[in-house]
Amino acid sequence: MQTSDTGRVTSFDRSTNTRAFTLIELLVVIAIIAILAAILFPVFAQARASARAISCVSNVKQAGLAVLMYAEDFDENIPLIDNNGSSYYGCPSSCGGNGCTPDWGSPGTNVNEPDAMFFGVIQPYSKNKQIGYCPEIGTPHWGGLIGNPAYTSTPYVPALDSRGIYQDSFSQMAVNMLLTEFGPGASWANCSSSGYTSSGTNLAAWARPAELYMITGDSVWGFGVGGDQSPQNGVGNTATWPITDSITTNCTDWGGYSANTSAGWTYYVHRAPQRVGYPWNAGFTQFNLGINSGLANIGFADGHVKPMRQQVLEQCAYNTQANVWTFPYWDYRY
């Protein structure tokens, strides 16, 4: 209300002093919000990926310490891939017939069979099967995977799932294969009676523990192409080994075992622009493709963990002291 010159009270119209947003102004505000979102969402995604990577580093650290504690109780020997014989590779054992399960890639169906796979036997020291899963890779849904011929044709058994047998037979937490029954210094001669022997399992045989790859939380069963869905499904490989190709032709064996001429199934998933695809191009000139395009978390034999790229971890180098070509991060002997 206001008073006129004549003393009369008149009404005050507030509507004349208010102003609404125009359509152009609203569109400008919306555009600014969209631009900010476009800038910030990738930052948030990278932050989440970094958090998952850090979690995986922690998992590898815990598993690596469990392996070393296991070794303290077993004459300084770490576990083999398979610690009760091998049915998958045809080695007879005390279980009779074709050997024991669970096995690498062959979990079996017997719910009473002891868990003898690498990641399974260190459980008394870690007491946590969940550290076997890398958050960046994801947790497999075994009910929809077991029975798939791409992995195993044996039927799905819920009791084996609850015991973690499937996880151990296709573990993302994988051991350096050269430290096991498939590495240099290993023998299957007495597998049917006393089991495998391997000098690579013994801590005293490791020449450079601070530079020796022992375990990784990032392994993969396949490339994710040609119908394979293992990277998308989080199926691991339990053991990994160095790649051989036209560039690393000098590194052709592991002290008697011929090196595999395909990828060693370490999954370089962290900060990777690609999650699936072959690990190199047709000309063997690029190694930042597909499953090799990012970083893998590697646990070393002295207990420390760090992320590494494929070009560094799987390099072939000449050892001048031993006068031999070798994979320096993998071969325990030099």
Protein backbone atom coordinates (compact mmCIF):
# COMPACT_ATOMS: atom_id res chain seq x y z
CA MET A 1 0.00 0.00 0.00
CA GLN A 2 1.08 3.61 -0.57
CA THR A 3 -0.34 7.13 0.16
CA SER A 4 -1.08 9.55 -2.69
CA ASP A 5 -0.55 13.31 -2.59
CA THR A 6 -4.19 13.70 -1.68
CA GLY A 7 -3.82 11.46 1.34
CA ARG A 8 -5.71 8.57 -0.10
CA VAL A 9 -4.34 5.07 0.24
CA THR A 10 -3.80 3.28 -3.06
CA SER A 11 -2.78 -0.31 -3.85
CA PHE A 12 0.77 -1.22 -4.91
CA ASP A 13 1.09 -3.52 -7.91
CA ARG A 14 4.07 -5.85 -7.24
CA SER A 15 3.61 -7.64 -10.53
CA THR A 16 5.21 -4.78 -12.36
CA ASN A 17 8.58 -5.50 -10.59
CA THR A 18 8.79 -9.33 -11.20
CA ARG A 19 10.47 -10.95 -14.21
CA ALA A 20 10.37 -14.59 -15.46
CA PHE A 21 13.22 -16.50 -17.19
CA THR A 22 13.06 -16.44 -20.93
CA LEU A 23 13.27 -19.63 -22.97
CA ILE A 24 16.75 -18.69 -24.17
CA GLU A 25 18.00 -18.26 -20.62
CA LEU A 26 16.62 -21.63 -19.58
CA LEU A 27 18.26 -23.29 -22.56
CA VAL A 28 21.58 -21.65 -21.69
CA VAL A 29 21.39 -22.95 -18.11
CA ILE A 30 20.52 -26.44 -19.33
CA ALA A 31 23.40 -26.34 -21.78
CA ILE A 32 25.84 -25.30 -19.04
CA ILE A 33 24.64 -28.15 -16.81
CA ALA A 34 25.02 -30.61 -19.70
CA ILE A 35 28.56 -29.40 -20.40
CA LEU A 36 29.52 -29.72 -16.74
CA ALA A 37 28.03 -33.21 -16.61
CA ALA A 38 29.94 -34.22 -19.73
CA ILE A 39 33.15 -33.00 -18.10
CA LEU A 40 32.55 -34.48 -14.67
CA PHE A 41 31.06 -37.90 -15.49
CA PRO A 42 34.30 -39.25 -17.04
CA VAL A 43 36.16 -37.90 -14.01
CA PHE A 44 33.77 -39.74 -11.71
CA ALA A 45 34.15 -42.90 -13.80
CA GLN A 46 37.94 -42.67 -13.58
CA ALA A 47 37.71 -42.15 -9.83
CA ARG A 48 35.54 -45.27 -9.47
CA ALA A 49 37.95 -47.24 -11.66
CA SER A 50 40.88 -46.06 -9.52
CA ALA A 51 39.03 -47.17 -6.39
CA ARG A 52 38.43 -50.61 -7.91
CA ALA A 53 42.09 -50.83 -8.90
CA ILE A 54 43.20 -49.96 -5.37
CA SER A 55 40.86 -52.62 -4.01
CA CYS A 56 42.41 -55.15 -6.37
CA VAL A 57 45.91 -54.13 -5.22
CA SER A 58 44.80 -54.82 -1.65
CA ASN A 59 43.41 -58.22 -2.66
CA VAL A 60 46.66 -59.21 -4.36
CA LYS A 61 48.64 -58.03 -1.34
CA GLN A 62 46.56 -60.18 1.02
CA ALA A 63 46.74 -63.23 -1.24
CA GLY A 64 50.49 -62.82 -1.72
CA LEU A 65 51.06 -62.70 2.03
CA ALA A 66 48.88 -65.80 2.41
CA VAL A 67 51.08 -67.62 -0.13
CA LEU A 68 54.22 -66.69 1.79
CA MET A 69 52.66 -67.76 5.10
CA TYR A 70 51.70 -71.09 3.50
CA ALA A 71 55.34 -71.49 2.43
CA GLU A 72 56.53 -70.98 6.00
CA ASP A 73 54.52 -74.05 7.04
CA PHE A 74 55.55 -76.22 4.08
CA ASP A 75 59.34 -76.14 4.02
CA GLU A 76 59.40 -72.83 2.14
CA ASN A 77 57.38 -74.18 -0.78
CA ILE A 78 54.42 -72.34 -2.28
CA PRO A 79 51.44 -74.36 -3.59
CA LEU A 80 51.34 -75.92 -7.03
CA ILE A 81 48.46 -75.19 -9.39
CA ASP A 82 47.01 -78.61 -8.60
CA ASN A 83 47.89 -80.13 -5.24
CA ASN A 84 46.15 -83.52 -5.42
CA GLY A 85 47.13 -84.98 -8.78
CA SER A 86 45.68 -84.04 -12.15
CA SER A 87 42.70 -85.46 -13.95
CA TYR A 88 42.58 -82.72 -16.54
CA TYR A 89 46.12 -83.47 -17.73
CA GLY A 90 45.82 -87.23 -17.46
CA CYS A 91 48.18 -87.88 -14.59
CA PRO A 92 46.96 -90.79 -12.41
CA SER A 93 46.96 -90.16 -8.69
CA SER A 94 46.07 -91.76 -5.40
CA CYS A 95 42.45 -90.93 -6.13
CA GLY A 96 42.56 -93.69 -8.73
CA GLY A 97 41.52 -93.80 -12.37
CA ASN A 98 42.02 -90.51 -14.15
CA GLY A 99 43.05 -88.52 -11.10
CA CYS A 100 41.41 -86.09 -8.72
CA THR A 101 39.13 -83.11 -9.01
CA PRO A 102 38.81 -80.19 -8.52
CA ASP A 103 41.41 -79.37 -11.12
CA TRP A 104 42.51 -76.52 -13.33
CA GLY A 105 39.48 -75.99 -15.55
CA SER A 106 37.84 -79.17 -14.29
CA PRO A 107 35.98 -78.61 -11.00
CA GLY A 108 34.24 -81.99 -11.08
CA THR A 109 30.96 -82.81 -9.32
CA ASN A 110 32.03 -84.51 -6.08
CA VAL A 111 31.04 -82.16 -3.27
CA ASN A 112 33.26 -84.04 -0.80
CA GLU A 113 36.49 -83.73 -2.79
CA PRO A 114 39.01 -81.53 -0.94
CA ASP A 115 39.77 -78.19 -2.56
CA ALA A 116 43.34 -78.63 -3.76
CA MET A 117 43.70 -75.80 -6.25
CA PHE A 118 46.30 -73.08 -5.74
CA PHE A 119 43.96 -70.38 -4.43
CA GLY A 120 41.99 -72.90 -2.42
CA VAL A 121 44.89 -74.26 -0.37
CA ILE A 122 46.00 -70.81 0.82
CA GLN A 123 42.57 -70.14 2.32
CA PRO A 124 43.56 -71.14 5.88
CA TYR A 125 45.99 -68.20 5.72
CA SER A 126 43.76 -65.60 4.06
CA LYS A 127 40.35 -66.83 5.30
CA ASN A 128 38.69 -64.75 2.62
CA LYS A 129 37.68 -66.12 -0.77
CA GLN A 130 36.33 -62.74 -1.82
CA ILE A 131 39.84 -61.39 -2.30
CA GLY A 132 40.07 -63.74 -5.27
CA TYR A 133 37.78 -61.46 -7.26
CA CYS A 134 39.03 -58.24 -8.84
CA PRO A 135 36.32 -55.53 -8.61
CA GLU A 136 37.34 -54.20 -12.02
CA ILE A 137 36.70 -57.60 -13.61
CA GLY A 138 33.60 -58.51 -11.63
CA THR A 139 32.24 -61.58 -9.88
CA PRO A 140 31.25 -64.50 -12.13
CA HIS A 141 27.75 -65.95 -11.91
CA TRP A 142 28.79 -69.59 -11.93
CA GLY A 143 25.26 -70.93 -12.20
CA GLY A 144 25.11 -69.69 -15.78
CA LEU A 145 28.71 -70.56 -16.67
CA ILE A 146 29.37 -74.08 -15.40
CA GLY A 147 28.14 -76.52 -18.03
CA ASN A 148 29.19 -74.21 -20.84
CA PRO A 149 31.63 -76.23 -23.01
CA ALA A 150 33.79 -73.09 -23.35
CA TYR A 151 34.78 -73.68 -19.72
CA THR A 152 33.65 -77.11 -18.55
CA SER A 153 30.92 -79.52 -19.59
CA THR A 154 30.33 -80.82 -16.07
CA PRO A 155 26.93 -79.89 -14.63
CA TYR A 156 26.51 -77.06 -12.16
CA VAL A 157 26.48 -78.16 -8.51
CA PRO A 158 25.35 -75.45 -6.05
CA ALA A 159 27.33 -77.01 -3.19
CA LEU A 160 30.58 -76.63 -5.15
CA ASP A 161 29.69 -73.02 -5.84
CA SER A 162 29.10 -72.31 -2.15
CA ARG A 163 32.45 -73.93 -1.32
CA GLY A 164 34.24 -71.75 -3.87
CA ILE A 165 35.45 -74.70 -5.95
CA TYR A 166 34.45 -73.07 -9.23
CA GLN A 167 36.28 -69.93 -8.29
CA ASP A 168 39.47 -71.89 -7.57
CA SER A 169 39.30 -73.91 -10.78
CA PHE A 170 38.90 -70.71 -12.83
CA SER A 171 40.52 -68.25 -10.45
CA GLN A 172 41.14 -64.62 -11.30
CA MET A 173 43.84 -64.78 -8.61
CA ALA A 174 46.53 -66.60 -10.57
CA VAL A 175 50.03 -67.87 -9.90
CA ASN A 176 53.11 -67.48 -12.11
CA MET A 177 53.08 -70.77 -14.02
CA LEU A 178 56.89 -70.98 -14.05
CA LEU A 179 56.81 -71.48 -10.27
CA THR A 180 54.61 -74.56 -10.55
CA GLU A 181 54.52 -78.07 -11.98
CA PHE A 182 54.59 -76.60 -15.48
CA GLY A 183 57.77 -74.55 -15.04
CA PRO A 184 61.50 -75.22 -15.35
CA GLY A 185 62.77 -77.70 -12.81
CA ALA A 186 59.42 -79.49 -12.59
CA SER A 187 58.92 -83.24 -12.94
CA TRP A 188 55.82 -85.37 -13.38
CA ALA A 189 57.75 -88.62 -13.28
CA ASN A 190 56.36 -89.70 -9.90
CA CYS A 191 52.98 -88.08 -10.18
CA SER A 192 51.10 -91.34 -9.66
CA SER A 193 52.87 -92.09 -6.38
CA SER A 194 54.42 -89.08 -4.68
CA GLY A 195 53.06 -86.25 -6.79
CA TYR A 196 54.76 -83.56 -8.80
CA THR A 197 58.09 -82.05 -7.93
CA SER A 198 59.20 -78.55 -8.84
CA SER A 199 62.20 -76.56 -7.68
CA GLY A 200 60.33 -73.41 -8.69
CA THR A 201 58.02 -73.64 -5.70
CA ASN A 202 60.88 -73.25 -3.23
CA LEU A 203 61.61 -69.76 -1.90
CA ALA A 204 65.33 -70.51 -1.60
CA ALA A 205 65.54 -71.08 -5.37
CA TRP A 206 64.28 -67.60 -6.22
CA ALA A 207 67.25 -65.54 -7.34
CA ARG A 208 65.57 -62.10 -7.25
CA PRO A 209 62.42 -62.14 -5.07
CA ALA A 210 61.85 -58.38 -5.37
CA GLU A 211 61.63 -58.73 -9.17
CA LEU A 212 59.93 -62.12 -9.45
CA TYR A 213 56.23 -62.18 -10.38
CA MET A 214 54.50 -64.56 -8.01
CA ILE A 215 50.76 -63.82 -8.20
CA THR A 216 48.26 -61.58 -9.94
CA GLY A 217 44.65 -60.69 -9.26
CA ASP A 218 44.02 -60.20 -12.96
CA SER A 219 43.80 -63.30 -15.13
CA VAL A 220 41.42 -64.23 -17.94
CA TRP A 221 40.37 -67.51 -19.54
CA GLY A 222 40.15 -66.20 -23.13
CA PHE A 223 40.27 -63.21 -25.45
CA GLY A 224 36.55 -62.43 -25.51
CA VAL A 225 36.27 -62.87 -29.28
CA GLY A 226 34.93 -65.60 -31.54
CA GLY A 227 32.16 -66.49 -29.12
CA ASP A 228 34.32 -66.50 -26.01
CA GLN A 229 32.75 -64.47 -23.21
CA SER A 230 35.25 -65.07 -20.41
CA PRO A 231 36.45 -61.44 -19.98
CA GLN A 232 32.85 -60.24 -19.82
CA ASN A 233 31.95 -63.05 -17.41
CA GLY A 234 34.98 -62.67 -15.14
CA VAL A 235 36.32 -66.19 -15.74
CA GLY A 236 39.97 -66.39 -14.71
CA ASN A 237 42.77 -68.77 -15.64
CA THR A 238 44.29 -69.82 -12.25
CA ALA A 239 47.82 -69.53 -13.72
CA THR A 240 49.43 -67.19 -16.22
CA TRP A 241 52.64 -67.33 -18.23
CA PRO A 242 54.64 -64.95 -20.44
CA ILE A 243 53.69 -64.44 -24.04
CA THR A 244 55.93 -65.53 -26.92
CA ASP A 245 55.69 -63.94 -30.35
CA SER A 246 57.75 -62.76 -33.30
CA ILE A 247 59.43 -60.13 -31.11
CA THR A 248 60.38 -62.43 -28.23
CA THR A 249 61.58 -65.33 -30.39
CA ASN A 250 64.75 -65.60 -28.30
CA CYS A 251 62.66 -66.72 -25.32
CA THR A 252 61.31 -70.02 -26.62
CA ASP A 253 61.31 -72.33 -23.61
CA TRP A 254 61.19 -72.47 -19.83
CA GLY A 255 64.13 -74.76 -19.23
CA GLY A 256 62.73 -77.73 -21.12
CA TYR A 257 59.09 -76.73 -21.50
CA SER A 258 58.26 -75.11 -24.82
CA ALA A 259 56.80 -71.66 -24.32
CA ASN A 260 53.22 -71.24 -25.49
CA THR A 261 52.92 -69.18 -28.66
CA SER A 262 49.77 -67.37 -27.57
CA ALA A 263 48.82 -64.96 -24.81
CA GLY A 264 49.64 -65.97 -21.26
CA TRP A 265 46.22 -64.90 -20.00
CA THR A 266 47.27 -62.07 -17.71
CA TYR A 267 44.38 -59.59 -17.97
CA TYR A 268 45.65 -56.01 -18.24
CA VAL A 269 42.24 -54.58 -17.46
CA HIS A 270 42.93 -51.50 -15.33
CA ARG A 271 42.60 -48.23 -17.29
CA ALA A 272 42.26 -50.32 -20.42
CA PRO A 273 40.57 -48.69 -23.44
CA GLN A 274 39.54 -52.20 -24.53
CA ARG A 275 38.38 -55.11 -22.39
CA VAL A 276 38.23 -57.78 -25.09
CA GLY A 277 40.11 -58.67 -28.26
CA TYR A 278 43.37 -60.26 -29.30
CA PRO A 279 46.45 -59.11 -27.40
CA TRP A 280 48.33 -58.02 -30.53
CA ASN A 281 47.75 -57.12 -34.13
CA ALA A 282 48.29 -59.43 -37.08
CA GLY A 283 51.80 -58.12 -37.74
CA PHE A 284 52.93 -58.61 -34.12
CA THR A 285 54.04 -54.99 -33.97
CA GLN A 286 51.64 -53.62 -31.35
CA PHE A 287 51.00 -54.92 -27.88
CA ASN A 288 48.51 -52.42 -26.50
CA LEU A 289 45.43 -54.05 -27.96
CA GLY A 290 42.62 -56.03 -26.39
CA ILE A 291 43.34 -57.73 -23.09
CA ASN A 292 46.86 -56.26 -23.04
CA SER A 293 45.76 -52.63 -23.33
CA GLY A 294 45.89 -51.58 -19.67
CA LEU A 295 47.61 -52.52 -16.42
CA ALA A 296 47.65 -55.66 -14.28
CA ASN A 297 48.25 -55.77 -10.52
CA ILE A 298 51.26 -57.98 -9.87
CA GLY A 299 52.30 -59.41 -6.51
CA PHE A 300 56.03 -60.05 -6.25
CA ALA A 301 57.85 -62.75 -4.33
CA ASP A 302 58.97 -60.36 -1.61
CA GLY A 303 55.35 -59.40 -0.86
CA HIS A 304 55.03 -56.01 -2.58
CA VAL A 305 52.44 -55.26 -5.27
CA LYS A 306 52.50 -52.85 -8.18
CA PRO A 307 50.58 -52.37 -11.47
CA MET A 308 52.50 -53.22 -14.64
CA ARG A 309 51.98 -53.04 -18.39
CA GLN A 310 52.38 -56.02 -20.67
CA GLN A 311 55.37 -54.56 -22.50
CA VAL A 312 57.31 -54.37 -19.23
CA LEU A 313 56.16 -57.49 -17.39
CA GLU A 314 56.43 -59.89 -20.33
CA GLN A 315 59.60 -58.60 -21.95
CA CYS A 316 62.24 -61.03 -23.14
CA ALA A 317 65.77 -60.01 -22.17
CA TYR A 318 69.31 -61.34 -22.35
CA ASN A 319 70.88 -62.25 -19.01
CA THR A 320 74.60 -61.58 -19.39
CA GLN A 321 75.60 -63.41 -16.20
CA ALA A 322 73.77 -66.62 -17.07
CA ASN A 323 74.36 -66.21 -20.83
CA VAL A 324 70.71 -66.95 -21.59
CA TRP A 325 67.60 -65.27 -22.98
CA THR A 326 64.80 -65.27 -20.46
CA PHE A 327 61.70 -63.53 -19.13
CA PRO A 328 63.31 -61.67 -16.19
CA TYR A 329 60.10 -61.09 -14.21
CA TRP A 330 58.96 -64.71 -14.58
CA ASP A 331 61.99 -67.03 -14.47
CA TYR A 332 62.99 -67.62 -10.87
CA ARG A 333 66.42 -69.01 -11.76
CA TYR A 334 68.19 -65.83 -12.98
